[in-house]
Amino acid sequence: MINFSIYYLRFFNILICILCFLNILYSYYFDLYLNVDSYFYTLIISFLPLFSFFFVKKNLLKVSIFTKIFSVILGYILLPIFLALPYYLSIYNITFLNAYFESVSGFTSTGFTIFDNIKHLDESLILWRSSSQWLGGLYFLFSIILLIDIFDDNLKKTFTNFLAFNSAEIFKQSLKIFIFYSFLTIIIFIILNIFDFRSYISLNLSMSLISSGGFLPVNNLEIILNSQTKIIIFSLLMLVSFLSLFFLYNLLIYKKKGIKFIQEDIYLIAYLMVIIFCFFLFVNKDINFSIILLSITSSVSNIGVSLRSSPDYLSFLFLILIIIGGSFFSTSSGLRFLKLVSLFKFSINEIISNAKPKNVYINKLLFSEKIMEKSDFYKYFLSILIFIVSLIILSSFISVSGLSFENSFKLSILTLMNTVNSHMTELSGIYFDQMSGLTKYLIIIFMIIGRVELLSFLILFKKFFFKN
């Protein structure tokens, strides 16, 4: 188990080393010497696990699902330690708990921050925050591939015709993810530059948008989005992390592979269009609709950023959109739209079948060739149940720390959905650096729980506590 975990995680240590090196180059090129030593130390420390190449052998032929789950969770605990070092070793006198909180928040693409004023940070550290989100988004996508055996067959068949992934298939799909993820990051960066965003701002935003991250390179979004055109472009780019990573690729080849490969994205686009139409129809016409559009796309993609002019009375609706989330194979979080649609259809069929037992009801979605098994629906229901229980537990603990129950409940939703607090959820005034140590530890734990498929924890729990 440990051998596989080391083998899996050291690839991300290589990426951390590369990010450190790039930050060192950036610091020297722009004469930013305040924190350059911290990146040198982080580079050296992050390089140490790579010596495992000499004594840990590659063995991916027979790896159990429990080992894979353990490795993914271990990565969410250990890798942020390396990402926390530039904060801790910087000149800003940040405690290790605050540094670890910031790194976990970035790595899980949540966006909670202990910094009250981003202006006080040097540009290299701001870039490091964005880089941690980019790395976390990539780690999340790799983890989906690794844990694909606990998901339904529909998801598997969008990647491979094999019953299970062997080492060659894992490498093939991981390489494809890395290429597409990097390519889309570059495309977002280029588009932002075309529409007159500063190159430095574009670089930070491209890494945040592709990973569904909530870190911004400025204090207020209004500083960046100072025109209606920029608001609309930024809103549309947030949809990159709402749809599947391979949506554009699958769209080009769907005639060859079939429409089932873009099935979920078709549902998501229809769902998004209905939401936008309803908001356009019923929201006060005195409000600039581009502001509403930004909040909608930010909610469905689980990014969470918004403008200060976002209407407060819509905060509950935005929270609902955050809970639903986006595509399964994207960097967004949430309970996932297609899961909820499938569960709703199954529930309706079960109710009607009791009223009309002679009729046959098929649990099959439009554009899909596969009839859903009951075991899949049980998984979906269990995921929702775990989310509700986690929400109650976290809300109770946070409310004890001094926040009102309403704010505790909202913050718990954002934590489990890995979405940043902002004006659209009426939580922009929460300052995490002022929270107690216990509250920070709890939020750290539940940010990780929210990022890992909740069902994974139950499977691991069953392995260690119910041997038979």
Protein backbone atom coordinates (compact mmCIF):
# COMPACT_ATOMS: atom_id res chain seq x y z
CA MET A 1 0.00 0.00 0.00
CA ILE A 2 2.73 2.48 0.99
CA ASN A 3 4.82 1.61 -2.08
CA PHE A 4 1.96 2.47 -4.43
CA SER A 5 1.17 5.68 -2.53
CA ILE A 6 4.78 6.83 -2.86
CA TYR A 7 4.82 5.92 -6.54
CA TYR A 8 1.58 7.84 -7.18
CA LEU A 9 2.37 10.95 -5.14
CA ARG A 10 5.94 11.53 -6.23
CA PHE A 11 4.76 12.57 -9.70
CA PHE A 12 3.06 15.54 -8.04
CA ASN A 13 6.22 16.25 -6.09
CA ILE A 14 7.93 16.60 -9.46
CA LEU A 15 5.30 19.17 -10.45
CA ILE A 16 5.77 21.03 -7.16
CA CYS A 17 9.51 21.18 -7.84
CA ILE A 18 8.83 22.55 -11.33
CA LEU A 19 6.45 25.19 -9.92
CA CYS A 20 9.09 26.17 -7.35
CA PHE A 21 11.69 26.53 -10.09
CA LEU A 22 9.35 28.68 -12.20
CA ASN A 23 8.60 30.90 -9.21
CA ILE A 24 12.33 31.34 -8.60
CA LEU A 25 12.83 32.37 -12.22
CA TYR A 26 9.86 34.71 -12.00
CA SER A 27 11.20 36.29 -8.79
CA TYR A 28 14.64 36.94 -10.27
CA TYR A 29 13.29 38.20 -13.58
CA PHE A 30 11.06 40.80 -11.89
CA ASP A 31 13.44 41.54 -8.99
CA LEU A 32 11.11 40.07 -6.35
CA TYR A 33 13.67 38.97 -3.76
CA LEU A 34 11.53 39.14 -0.61
CA ASN A 35 10.48 35.47 -0.61
CA VAL A 36 12.78 33.89 -3.15
CA ASP A 37 14.61 31.90 -0.43
CA SER A 38 11.36 30.20 0.57
CA TYR A 39 11.03 28.71 -2.92
CA PHE A 40 14.62 27.42 -2.79
CA TYR A 41 13.91 25.63 0.51
CA THR A 42 10.60 24.29 -0.79
CA LEU A 43 12.34 23.02 -3.93
CA ILE A 44 14.94 21.14 -1.87
CA ILE A 45 12.39 19.64 0.55
CA SER A 46 9.97 18.67 -2.26
CA PHE A 47 12.82 16.98 -4.10
CA LEU A 48 13.64 14.63 -1.20
CA PRO A 49 10.71 12.19 -1.82
CA LEU A 50 11.97 11.74 -5.38
CA PHE A 51 14.86 9.67 -4.03
CA SER A 52 12.25 6.91 -3.64
CA PHE A 53 12.89 6.19 -7.35
CA PHE A 54 15.95 4.25 -6.17
CA PHE A 55 14.23 1.94 -3.67
CA VAL A 56 10.47 1.84 -4.47
CA LYS A 57 9.69 -0.36 -7.43
CA LYS A 58 6.84 0.24 -9.84
CA ASN A 59 4.02 -2.22 -9.18
CA LEU A 60 0.60 -1.33 -10.59
CA LEU A 61 -0.43 -4.77 -11.73
CA LYS A 62 -2.45 -5.74 -8.65
CA VAL A 63 -3.51 -2.69 -6.70
CA SER A 64 -6.73 -2.91 -4.68
CA ILE A 65 -9.35 -0.18 -4.68
CA PHE A 66 -8.65 0.34 -0.96
CA THR A 67 -5.01 1.11 -1.72
CA LYS A 68 -6.05 3.59 -4.39
CA ILE A 69 -8.51 5.37 -2.06
CA PHE A 70 -5.89 5.48 0.70
CA SER A 71 -3.34 6.97 -1.73
CA VAL A 72 -5.72 9.69 -2.94
CA ILE A 73 -6.68 10.75 0.60
CA LEU A 74 -3.04 10.62 1.69
CA GLY A 75 -2.17 12.97 -1.17
CA TYR A 76 -4.73 15.52 -0.01
CA ILE A 77 -3.06 15.45 3.42
CA LEU A 78 0.64 15.32 2.51
CA LEU A 79 1.00 17.36 -0.69
CA PRO A 80 -0.42 20.55 0.90
CA ILE A 81 2.40 20.34 3.46
CA PHE A 82 4.90 21.01 0.66
CA LEU A 83 2.62 23.70 -0.79
CA ALA A 84 2.41 25.35 2.65
CA LEU A 85 6.17 25.90 2.93
CA PRO A 86 6.40 29.13 0.82
CA TYR A 87 3.72 30.69 3.06
CA TYR A 88 5.35 29.50 6.27
CA LEU A 89 8.91 30.46 5.21
CA SER A 90 7.87 33.85 3.80
CA ILE A 91 8.50 37.21 5.47
CA TYR A 92 4.85 37.53 6.55
CA ASN A 93 5.16 35.59 9.84
CA ILE A 94 2.42 33.10 9.00
CA THR A 95 1.85 30.26 11.45
CA PHE A 96 2.12 26.74 10.06
CA LEU A 97 -1.58 26.08 10.71
CA ASN A 98 -2.54 29.16 8.68
CA ALA A 99 -0.07 28.20 5.96
CA TYR A 100 -1.46 24.65 5.83
CA PHE A 101 -5.03 26.00 5.80
CA GLU A 102 -4.18 28.22 2.81
CA SER A 103 -2.48 25.38 0.94
CA VAL A 104 -5.31 22.88 1.54
CA SER A 105 -7.81 25.54 0.47
CA GLY A 106 -5.86 26.03 -2.75
CA PHE A 107 -5.17 22.35 -3.40
CA THR A 108 -8.86 21.45 -2.96
CA SER A 109 -9.76 24.43 -5.19
CA THR A 110 -11.92 25.90 -2.41
CA GLY A 111 -10.49 29.41 -2.16
CA PHE A 112 -10.86 30.21 1.55
CA THR A 113 -7.98 32.48 2.52
CA ILE A 114 -6.29 33.71 5.68
CA PHE A 115 -5.07 36.86 3.89
CA ASP A 116 -7.21 39.94 4.48
CA ASN A 117 -5.43 42.10 1.93
CA ILE A 118 -3.90 40.54 -1.19
CA LYS A 119 -2.15 43.86 -1.97
CA HIS A 120 0.28 43.18 0.87
CA LEU A 121 1.59 40.02 -0.81
CA ASP A 122 4.33 40.04 -3.41
CA GLU A 123 3.42 38.82 -6.88
CA SER A 124 5.39 35.57 -6.63
CA LEU A 125 3.37 34.40 -3.60
CA ILE A 126 0.11 35.33 -5.33
CA LEU A 127 1.26 33.25 -8.29
CA TRP A 128 2.07 30.39 -5.92
CA ARG A 129 -1.52 30.49 -4.60
CA SER A 130 -2.87 30.17 -8.14
CA SER A 131 -0.38 27.40 -8.94
CA SER A 132 -1.56 25.37 -5.94
CA GLN A 133 -5.10 25.48 -7.34
CA TRP A 134 -3.93 24.39 -10.79
CA LEU A 135 -2.04 21.47 -9.29
CA GLY A 136 -5.03 20.53 -7.12
CA GLY A 137 -7.37 20.51 -10.11
CA LEU A 138 -5.02 18.17 -11.98
CA TYR A 139 -4.70 15.92 -8.91
CA PHE A 140 -8.48 15.73 -8.67
CA LEU A 141 -8.83 14.60 -12.29
CA PHE A 142 -6.06 12.02 -11.88
CA SER A 143 -7.81 10.75 -8.76
CA ILE A 144 -11.06 10.21 -10.68
CA ILE A 145 -9.18 7.94 -13.08
CA LEU A 146 -7.57 6.11 -10.18
CA LEU A 147 -10.89 5.57 -8.39
CA ILE A 148 -12.94 4.87 -11.50
CA ASP A 149 -13.82 1.36 -10.26
CA ILE A 150 -16.16 2.77 -7.59
CA PHE A 151 -18.18 4.72 -10.16
CA ASP A 152 -20.86 3.41 -12.52
CA ASP A 153 -20.10 1.73 -15.85
CA ASN A 154 -21.35 4.70 -17.87
CA LEU A 155 -18.41 6.78 -16.68
CA LYS A 156 -15.94 3.96 -17.31
CA LYS A 157 -17.05 3.48 -20.89
CA THR A 158 -16.34 7.10 -21.75
CA PHE A 159 -12.65 6.31 -21.20
CA THR A 160 -12.02 2.67 -21.94
CA ASN A 161 -13.56 -0.58 -23.14
CA PHE A 162 -11.69 -2.54 -20.46
CA LEU A 163 -13.49 -3.80 -17.36
CA ALA A 164 -10.79 -2.24 -15.20
CA PHE A 165 -7.76 -0.05 -15.76
CA ASN A 166 -4.35 -1.68 -15.95
CA SER A 167 -1.11 0.30 -15.59
CA ALA A 168 -0.86 1.06 -19.32
CA GLU A 169 -4.45 2.33 -19.47
CA ILE A 170 -3.98 4.50 -16.37
CA PHE A 171 -0.86 6.06 -17.90
CA LYS A 172 -2.61 6.62 -21.25
CA GLN A 173 -5.65 8.34 -19.71
CA SER A 174 -3.53 10.35 -17.26
CA LEU A 175 -1.34 11.63 -20.10
CA LYS A 176 -4.46 12.62 -22.05
CA ILE A 177 -5.80 14.49 -19.00
CA PHE A 178 -2.51 16.32 -18.50
CA ILE A 179 -2.38 17.41 -22.16
CA PHE A 180 -5.99 18.63 -22.29
CA TYR A 181 -5.78 20.30 -18.89
CA SER A 182 -2.61 22.19 -19.85
CA PHE A 183 -3.98 23.02 -23.32
CA LEU A 184 -7.20 24.50 -21.91
CA THR A 185 -5.19 26.53 -19.37
CA ILE A 186 -3.18 28.07 -22.22
CA ILE A 187 -6.36 28.75 -24.25
CA ILE A 188 -7.96 30.56 -21.30
CA PHE A 189 -4.77 32.58 -20.81
CA ILE A 190 -4.74 33.61 -24.48
CA ILE A 191 -8.43 34.58 -24.49
CA LEU A 192 -8.02 36.73 -21.38
CA ASN A 193 -5.06 38.48 -22.98
CA ILE A 194 -7.04 39.14 -26.16
CA PHE A 195 -9.67 40.95 -24.10
CA ASP A 196 -7.13 43.28 -22.44
CA PHE A 197 -6.55 41.50 -19.15
CA ARG A 198 -2.99 42.06 -17.89
CA SER A 199 -0.72 39.10 -18.63
CA TYR A 200 0.02 38.58 -14.92
CA ILE A 201 -3.71 38.69 -14.09
CA SER A 202 -4.49 36.40 -17.03
CA LEU A 203 -1.93 33.85 -15.83
CA ASN A 204 -3.41 33.73 -12.34
CA LEU A 205 -6.98 33.64 -13.54
CA SER A 206 -6.34 30.90 -16.12
CA MET A 207 -5.03 28.58 -13.38
CA SER A 208 -7.99 29.43 -11.13
CA LEU A 209 -10.66 29.03 -13.81
CA ILE A 210 -9.49 25.67 -15.14
CA SER A 211 -9.35 24.24 -11.60
CA SER A 212 -12.63 25.77 -10.30
CA GLY A 213 -10.50 27.62 -7.77
CA GLY A 214 -11.58 30.64 -5.76
CA PHE A 215 -8.24 32.44 -5.28
CA LEU A 216 -8.06 35.84 -6.95
CA PRO A 217 -4.92 37.92 -7.59
CA VAL A 218 -6.73 41.04 -6.29
CA ASN A 219 -8.98 41.91 -3.35
CA ASN A 220 -12.10 42.66 -5.37
CA LEU A 221 -13.23 41.23 -8.68
CA GLU A 222 -14.39 44.70 -9.78
CA ILE A 223 -10.74 45.71 -10.18
CA ILE A 224 -10.34 43.12 -12.94
CA LEU A 225 -13.82 43.10 -14.46
CA ASN A 226 -14.10 46.82 -15.13
CA SER A 227 -16.26 46.53 -18.27
CA GLN A 228 -19.33 44.58 -19.30
CA THR A 229 -17.39 42.77 -22.03
CA LYS A 230 -14.88 41.48 -19.48
CA ILE A 231 -17.68 40.32 -17.19
CA ILE A 232 -19.31 38.30 -19.98
CA ILE A 233 -15.99 36.78 -21.17
CA PHE A 234 -15.04 35.85 -17.62
CA SER A 235 -18.50 34.31 -17.08
CA LEU A 236 -18.22 32.18 -20.20
CA LEU A 237 -14.71 31.01 -19.34
CA MET A 238 -15.93 29.76 -15.97
CA LEU A 239 -18.02 27.22 -17.88
CA VAL A 240 -14.81 25.43 -18.92
CA SER A 241 -14.68 23.87 -15.45
CA PHE A 242 -18.46 23.29 -15.47
CA LEU A 243 -18.42 21.01 -18.52
CA SER A 244 -16.38 17.85 -19.04
CA LEU A 245 -12.66 18.29 -19.62
CA PHE A 246 -13.00 16.44 -22.92
CA PHE A 247 -16.22 18.14 -24.06
CA LEU A 248 -14.75 19.97 -27.05
CA TYR A 249 -12.75 16.91 -28.11
CA ASN A 250 -15.77 14.59 -27.79
CA LEU A 251 -17.93 17.11 -29.64
CA LEU A 252 -15.62 16.95 -32.64
CA ILE A 253 -15.59 13.15 -32.80
CA TYR A 254 -19.09 12.34 -31.52
CA LYS A 255 -20.16 11.03 -34.96
CA LYS A 256 -17.45 8.40 -34.67
CA LYS A 257 -17.99 7.43 -31.02
CA GLY A 258 -21.68 8.25 -30.56
CA ILE A 259 -23.66 10.90 -28.77
CA LYS A 260 -23.40 9.03 -25.45
CA PHE A 261 -19.92 10.49 -25.03
CA ILE A 262 -21.37 14.00 -24.72
CA GLN A 263 -24.58 12.91 -22.99
CA GLU A 264 -23.86 14.56 -19.65
CA ASP A 265 -22.71 17.82 -21.25
CA ILE A 266 -25.93 17.98 -23.31
CA TYR A 267 -27.92 17.72 -20.10
CA LEU A 268 -25.74 20.35 -18.44
CA ILE A 269 -26.07 22.84 -21.29
CA ALA A 270 -29.87 22.39 -21.32
CA TYR A 271 -29.91 22.79 -17.52
CA LEU A 272 -27.81 25.96 -17.75
CA MET A 273 -30.01 27.45 -20.49
CA VAL A 274 -33.15 26.87 -18.40
CA ILE A 275 -31.51 28.51 -15.37
CA ILE A 276 -30.37 31.56 -17.34
CA PHE A 277 -33.81 31.91 -18.96
CA CYS A 278 -35.62 31.73 -15.60
CA PHE A 279 -33.31 34.29 -14.01
CA PHE A 280 -33.66 36.57 -17.03
CA LEU A 281 -37.44 36.26 -16.89
CA PHE A 282 -38.00 36.80 -13.17
CA VAL A 283 -35.08 38.87 -11.83
CA ASN A 284 -35.49 42.60 -11.39
CA LYS A 285 -34.81 44.26 -14.76
CA ASP A 286 -33.06 47.19 -13.03
CA ILE A 287 -30.10 44.90 -12.30
CA ASN A 288 -27.48 44.51 -15.02
CA PHE A 289 -28.00 40.93 -16.18
CA SER A 290 -24.28 40.41 -16.86
CA ILE A 291 -23.80 40.53 -13.06
CA ILE A 292 -26.44 37.83 -12.62
CA LEU A 293 -24.88 35.77 -15.41
CA LEU A 294 -21.49 35.88 -13.68
CA SER A 295 -23.03 34.69 -10.40
CA ILE A 296 -24.89 31.88 -12.19
CA THR A 297 -21.82 30.54 -14.00
CA SER A 298 -19.72 30.97 -10.86
CA SER A 299 -22.26 28.93 -8.87
CA VAL A 300 -22.72 26.05 -11.30
CA SER A 301 -18.95 25.72 -11.79
CA ASN A 302 -18.35 25.81 -7.99
CA ILE A 303 -15.87 28.67 -8.31
CA GLY A 304 -17.95 31.00 -6.14
CA VAL A 305 -16.48 34.42 -6.94
CA SER A 306 -18.89 37.30 -7.59
CA LEU A 307 -19.14 41.06 -7.88
CA ARG A 308 -20.16 43.13 -4.87
CA SER A 309 -23.27 44.26 -6.75
CA SER A 310 -24.62 40.69 -6.86
CA PRO A 311 -28.16 40.84 -5.33
CA ASP A 312 -28.37 39.46 -1.77
CA TYR A 313 -31.93 38.14 -2.12
CA LEU A 314 -30.76 35.53 -4.66
CA SER A 315 -28.14 34.00 -2.34
CA PHE A 316 -30.30 30.96 -1.51
CA LEU A 317 -30.78 30.14 -5.20
CA PHE A 318 -27.04 30.44 -5.82
CA LEU A 319 -26.40 28.03 -2.94
CA ILE A 320 -28.75 25.51 -4.55
CA LEU A 321 -26.82 25.79 -7.82
CA ILE A 322 -23.56 25.32 -5.91
CA ILE A 323 -24.87 22.11 -4.29
CA ILE A 324 -25.96 20.65 -7.64
CA GLY A 325 -22.55 21.29 -9.26
CA GLY A 326 -21.43 20.44 -12.78
CA SER A 327 -20.08 17.63 -14.94
CA PHE A 328 -18.65 14.52 -13.34
CA PHE A 329 -15.37 14.64 -15.22
CA SER A 330 -14.60 18.29 -14.54
CA THR A 331 -12.88 20.15 -11.72
CA SER A 332 -16.19 21.41 -10.31
CA SER A 333 -17.61 19.84 -7.15
CA GLY A 334 -21.24 19.50 -6.07
CA LEU A 335 -23.46 16.45 -5.93
CA ARG A 336 -23.40 16.35 -9.77
CA PHE A 337 -26.36 17.17 -11.94
CA LEU A 338 -26.64 13.86 -13.83
CA LYS A 339 -26.61 11.92 -10.56
CA LEU A 340 -29.57 13.91 -9.29
CA VAL A 341 -31.47 13.54 -12.59
CA SER A 342 -30.89 9.76 -12.57
CA LEU A 343 -31.94 9.47 -8.93
CA PHE A 344 -35.08 11.53 -9.58
CA LYS A 345 -36.06 9.36 -12.57
CA PHE A 346 -35.46 6.19 -10.57
CA SER A 347 -37.57 7.47 -7.65
CA ILE A 348 -40.46 8.45 -9.93
CA ASN A 349 -40.36 5.06 -11.66
CA GLU A 350 -40.41 3.26 -8.31
CA ILE A 351 -43.41 5.25 -7.13
CA ILE A 352 -45.36 4.74 -10.38
CA SER A 353 -44.51 1.03 -10.53
CA ASN A 354 -46.23 0.53 -7.17
CA ALA A 355 -49.35 2.24 -8.49
CA LYS A 356 -49.26 0.40 -11.84
CA PRO A 357 -47.39 -2.88 -11.20
CA LYS A 358 -48.23 -4.35 -14.62
CA ASN A 359 -46.30 -1.62 -16.45
CA VAL A 360 -42.55 -1.87 -17.06
CA TYR A 361 -40.44 1.20 -16.32
CA ILE A 362 -36.89 1.40 -17.63
CA ASN A 363 -34.29 3.45 -15.76
CA LYS A 364 -32.58 4.80 -18.83
CA LEU A 365 -31.68 8.40 -19.63
CA LEU A 366 -32.09 10.07 -23.00
CA PHE A 367 -28.99 9.71 -25.26
CA SER A 368 -27.83 6.75 -23.17
CA GLU A 369 -27.69 3.13 -24.31
CA LYS A 370 -27.28 1.64 -20.86
CA ILE A 371 -30.03 0.75 -18.40
CA MET A 372 -28.99 1.96 -14.96
CA GLU A 373 -28.58 -0.69 -12.28
CA LYS A 374 -30.14 -0.37 -8.84
CA SER A 375 -26.67 -0.48 -7.28
CA ASP A 376 -25.81 2.78 -9.06
CA PHE A 377 -28.85 4.51 -7.58
CA TYR A 378 -28.00 3.21 -4.12
CA LYS A 379 -24.56 4.81 -4.51
CA TYR A 380 -26.13 8.11 -5.55
CA PHE A 381 -28.55 8.07 -2.63
CA LEU A 382 -25.76 7.18 -0.21
CA SER A 383 -23.65 10.10 -1.48
CA ILE A 384 -26.51 12.53 -0.82
CA LEU A 385 -27.09 11.02 2.62
CA ILE A 386 -23.41 11.39 3.54
CA PHE A 387 -23.47 15.00 2.33
CA ILE A 388 -26.46 15.80 4.58
CA VAL A 389 -24.86 14.14 7.62
CA SER A 390 -21.54 15.93 6.98
CA LEU A 391 -23.39 19.23 6.59
CA ILE A 392 -25.14 18.81 9.94
CA ILE A 393 -21.92 17.86 11.74
CA LEU A 394 -19.83 20.71 10.30
CA SER A 395 -22.58 23.31 10.79
CA SER A 396 -22.90 22.35 14.45
CA PHE A 397 -19.17 22.69 15.11
CA ILE A 398 -18.80 25.99 13.22
CA SER A 399 -21.81 27.55 14.97
CA VAL A 400 -20.15 26.81 18.33
CA SER A 401 -17.14 28.89 17.21
CA GLY A 402 -19.19 32.10 17.19
CA LEU A 403 -20.85 32.34 13.77
CA SER A 404 -24.63 32.51 13.50
CA PHE A 405 -26.35 29.26 12.56
CA GLU A 406 -27.33 30.67 9.16
CA ASN A 407 -23.76 31.64 8.31
CA SER A 408 -22.45 28.35 9.72
CA PHE A 409 -24.88 26.43 7.52
CA LYS A 410 -23.91 28.41 4.42
CA LEU A 411 -20.19 28.10 5.15
CA SER A 412 -20.57 24.34 5.64
CA ILE A 413 -22.19 24.03 2.21
CA LEU A 414 -19.35 26.00 0.62
CA THR A 415 -16.75 23.90 2.45
CA LEU A 416 -18.21 20.57 1.31
CA MET A 417 -18.75 21.91 -2.22
CA ASN A 418 -15.21 23.43 -2.32
CA THR A 419 -16.58 26.86 -3.24
CA VAL A 420 -15.20 30.20 -2.06
CA ASN A 421 -17.22 32.58 0.13
CA SER A 422 -18.26 35.79 -1.63
CA HIS A 423 -20.93 38.49 -1.89
CA MET A 424 -23.40 36.29 -3.76
CA THR A 425 -23.69 33.98 -0.72
CA GLU A 426 -23.52 36.91 1.77
CA LEU A 427 -20.37 35.48 3.36
CA SER A 428 -17.72 37.88 2.05
CA GLY A 429 -17.18 39.28 5.55
CA ILE A 430 -15.86 36.02 7.05
CA TYR A 431 -12.16 36.17 7.99
CA PHE A 432 -10.61 32.74 8.41
CA ASP A 433 -7.41 33.99 10.05
CA GLN A 434 -9.50 35.03 13.08
CA MET A 435 -11.05 31.59 13.58
CA SER A 436 -9.89 29.25 16.32
CA GLY A 437 -7.40 26.49 15.61
CA LEU A 438 -10.04 23.77 16.12
CA THR A 439 -12.40 25.39 13.61
CA LYS A 440 -9.60 25.62 11.02
CA TYR A 441 -8.74 21.95 11.49
CA LEU A 442 -12.39 20.98 11.02
CA ILE A 443 -12.71 23.08 7.87
CA ILE A 444 -9.48 21.53 6.54
CA ILE A 445 -10.85 18.01 7.13
CA PHE A 446 -14.18 18.75 5.48
CA MET A 447 -12.56 20.54 2.52
CA ILE A 448 -10.74 17.26 1.86
CA ILE A 449 -13.90 15.21 2.43
CA GLY A 450 -15.72 17.43 -0.06
CA ARG A 451 -13.03 16.96 -2.72
CA VAL A 452 -12.76 13.19 -2.42
CA GLU A 453 -15.81 11.25 -3.59
CA LEU A 454 -17.77 10.80 -0.35
CA LEU A 455 -18.43 7.17 -1.14
CA SER A 456 -14.67 6.57 -1.02
CA PHE A 457 -14.57 7.19 2.73
CA LEU A 458 -17.32 4.63 3.35
CA ILE A 459 -15.47 1.99 1.32
CA LEU A 460 -12.24 2.68 3.22
CA PHE A 461 -14.14 2.72 6.52
CA LYS A 462 -15.67 -0.67 5.71
CA LYS A 463 -12.23 -2.08 4.85
CA PHE A 464 -10.60 -1.16 8.17
CA PHE A 465 -13.51 -1.60 10.60
CA PHE A 466 -15.54 -4.43 9.07
CA LYS A 467 -13.02 -7.04 8.00
CA ASN A 468 -15.62 -9.60 7.05
